[in-house]
C-alpha atoms as a PDB file:
ATOM      1  CA  UNK A   1      76.131  66.428 220.410  1.00  0.00           C
ATOM      2  CA  UNK A   2      75.267  69.934 222.150  1.00  0.00           C
ATOM      3  CA  UNK A   3      75.449  69.837 226.156  1.00  0.00           C
ATOM      4  CA  UNK A   4      72.352  70.613 226.641  1.00  0.00           C
ATOM      5  CA  UNK A   5      71.083  67.908 224.992  1.00  0.00           C
ATOM      6  CA  UNK A   6      72.787  65.250 226.819  1.00  0.00           C
ATOM      7  CA  UNK A   7      71.464  66.641 230.226  1.00  0.00           C
ATOM      8  CA  UNK A   8      68.331  66.590 229.003  1.00  0.00           C
ATOM      9  CA  UNK A   9      68.515  62.840 228.604  1.00  0.00           C
ATOM     10  CA  UNK A  10      70.637  62.291 231.687  1.00  0.00           C
ATOM     11  CA  UNK A  11      67.056  63.425 233.732  1.00  0.00           C
ATOM     12  CA  UNK A  12      65.011  61.108 232.134  1.00  0.00           C
ATOM     13  CA  UNK A  13      63.949  57.905 234.103  1.00  0.00           C
ATOM     14  CA  UNK A  14      62.442  54.937 232.320  1.00  0.00           C
ATOM     15  CA  UNK A  15      58.913  54.416 231.806  1.00  0.00           C
ATOM     16  CA  UNK A  16      57.433  52.003 234.951  1.00  0.00           C
ATOM     17  CA  UNK A  17      56.817  48.479 233.750  1.00  0.00           C
ATOM     18  CA  UNK A  18      53.229  47.699 234.049  1.00  0.00           C
ATOM     19  CA  UNK A  19      52.737  44.210 236.399  1.00  0.00           C
ATOM     20  CA  UNK A  20      50.917  41.250 234.568  1.00  0.00           C
ATOM     21  CA  UNK A  21      47.801  40.816 235.374  1.00  0.00           C
ATOM     22  CA  UNK A  22      47.790  37.521 237.985  1.00  0.00           C
ATOM     23  CA  UNK A  23      46.308  34.664 236.427  1.00  0.00           C
ATOM     24  CA  UNK A  24      44.639  32.199 238.914  1.00  0.00           C
ATOM     25  CA  UNK A  25      46.250  28.754 239.383  1.00  0.00           C
ATOM     26  CA  UNK A  26      44.908  25.684 240.716  1.00  0.00           C
ATOM     27  CA  UNK A  27      45.668  22.165 241.699  1.00  0.00           C
ATOM     28  CA  UNK A  28      43.378  19.388 239.755  1.00  0.00           C
ATOM     29  CA  UNK A  29      41.391  17.550 242.182  1.00  0.00           C
ATOM     30  CA  UNK A  30      42.041  14.168 240.131  1.00  0.00           C
ATOM     31  CA  UNK A  31      45.681  14.090 238.982  1.00  0.00           C
ATOM     32  CA  UNK A  32      47.038  17.172 241.548  1.00  0.00           C
ATOM     33  CA  UNK A  33      49.195  18.632 239.009  1.00  0.00           C
ATOM     34  CA  UNK A  34      49.305  22.556 239.423  1.00  0.00           C
ATOM     35  CA  UNK A  35      47.734  24.714 236.348  1.00  0.00           C
ATOM     36  CA  UNK A  36      47.305  28.110 235.626  1.00  0.00           C
ATOM     37  CA  UNK A  37      44.464  29.896 233.848  1.00  0.00           C
ATOM     38  CA  UNK A  38      40.629  28.732 233.967  1.00  0.00           C
ATOM     39  CA  UNK A  39      40.102  24.866 234.714  1.00  0.00           C
ATOM     40  CA  UNK A  40      38.754  22.650 231.708  1.00  0.00           C
ATOM     41  CA  UNK A  41      36.224  21.498 233.677  1.00  0.00           C
ATOM     42  CA  UNK A  42      35.061  20.730 237.099  1.00  0.00           C
ATOM     43  CA  UNK A  43      33.590  17.552 239.159  1.00  0.00           C
ATOM     44  CA  UNK A  44      30.920  17.578 241.275  1.00  0.00           C
ATOM     45  CA  UNK A  45      30.257  16.358 244.965  1.00  0.00           C
ATOM     46  CA  UNK A  46      26.724  16.619 246.466  1.00  0.00           C
ATOM     47  CA  UNK A  47      26.081  15.494 250.019  1.00  0.00           C
ATOM     48  CA  UNK A  48      23.520  16.114 252.574  1.00  0.00           C
ATOM     49  CA  UNK A  49      23.937  17.302 255.762  1.00  0.00           C
ATOM     50  CA  UNK A  50      20.694  17.071 258.080  1.00  0.00           C
ATOM     51  CA  UNK A  51      18.197  19.335 256.099  1.00  0.00           C
ATOM     52  CA  UNK A  52      21.301  21.402 254.319  1.00  0.00           C
ATOM     53  CA  UNK A  53      22.359  20.030 251.063  1.00  0.00           C
ATOM     54  CA  UNK A  54      26.438  20.738 250.049  1.00  0.00           C
ATOM     55  CA  UNK A  55      27.930  21.243 246.779  1.00  0.00           C
ATOM     56  CA  UNK A  56      31.695  21.350 245.572  1.00  0.00           C
ATOM     57  CA  UNK A  57      32.820  21.875 242.077  1.00  0.00           C
ATOM     58  CA  UNK A  58      36.568  20.986 242.420  1.00  0.00           C
ATOM     59  CA  UNK A  59      38.799  22.176 239.487  1.00  0.00           C
ATOM     60  CA  UNK A  60      40.133  19.863 236.907  1.00  0.00           C
ATOM     61  CA  UNK A  61      42.929  20.159 234.258  1.00  0.00           C
ATOM     62  CA  UNK A  62      42.265  19.726 230.511  1.00  0.00           C
ATOM     63  CA  UNK A  63      43.198  16.533 230.302  1.00  0.00           C
ATOM     64  CA  UNK A  64      41.452  14.887 233.578  1.00  0.00           C
ATOM     65  CA  UNK A  65      38.304  17.013 232.580  1.00  0.00           C
ATOM     66  CA  UNK A  66      38.453  15.099 228.852  1.00  0.00           C
ATOM     67  CA  UNK A  67      38.986  11.634 230.641  1.00  0.00           C
ATOM     68  CA  UNK A  68      36.293  12.285 233.477  1.00  0.00           C
ATOM     69  CA  UNK A  69      33.963  13.333 230.623  1.00  0.00           C
ATOM     70  CA  UNK A  70      34.281  10.811 228.091  1.00  0.00           C
ATOM     71  CA  UNK A  71      34.395   8.274 230.777  1.00  0.00           C
ATOM     72  CA  UNK A  72      30.546   9.012 231.583  1.00  0.00           C
ATOM     73  CA  UNK A  73      29.827   9.230 228.277  1.00  0.00           C
ATOM     74  CA  UNK A  74      30.988   5.891 227.556  1.00  0.00           C
ATOM     75  CA  UNK A  75      29.473   4.632 231.004  1.00  0.00           C
ATOM     76  CA  UNK A  76      26.122   5.978 230.196  1.00  0.00           C
ATOM     77  CA  UNK A  77      26.300   4.456 226.787  1.00  0.00           C
ATOM     78  CA  UNK A  78      26.596   1.010 228.331  1.00  0.00           C
ATOM     79  CA  UNK A  79      23.532   1.424 230.724  1.00  0.00           C
ATOM     80  CA  UNK A  80      21.814   2.445 227.730  1.00  0.00           C
ATOM     81  CA  UNK A  81      22.528  -0.665 225.651  1.00  0.00           C
ATOM     82  CA  UNK A  82      21.996  -2.804 228.898  1.00  0.00           C
ATOM     83  CA  UNK A  83      18.703  -1.355 229.254  1.00  0.00           C
ATOM     84  CA  UNK A  84      17.547  -1.379 225.546  1.00  0.00           C
END
């Protein structure tokens, strides 16, 4: 190879590596497992302090979100049967 060709490649710097976008991480409020990405669901806590109403929606992992949702549906169905 010609010398000019080698010297030209020696000056080339590698392209900078782009950093991957950060993915938010959460701790499941029910089981405590840390997970990354969007929560699969959330709980809902409502309470009052005087005239002020406060609301909190803690994150849930996929497994706990499913468990809570199914448990709520089953409880609702049982209550419906008891009333009817």
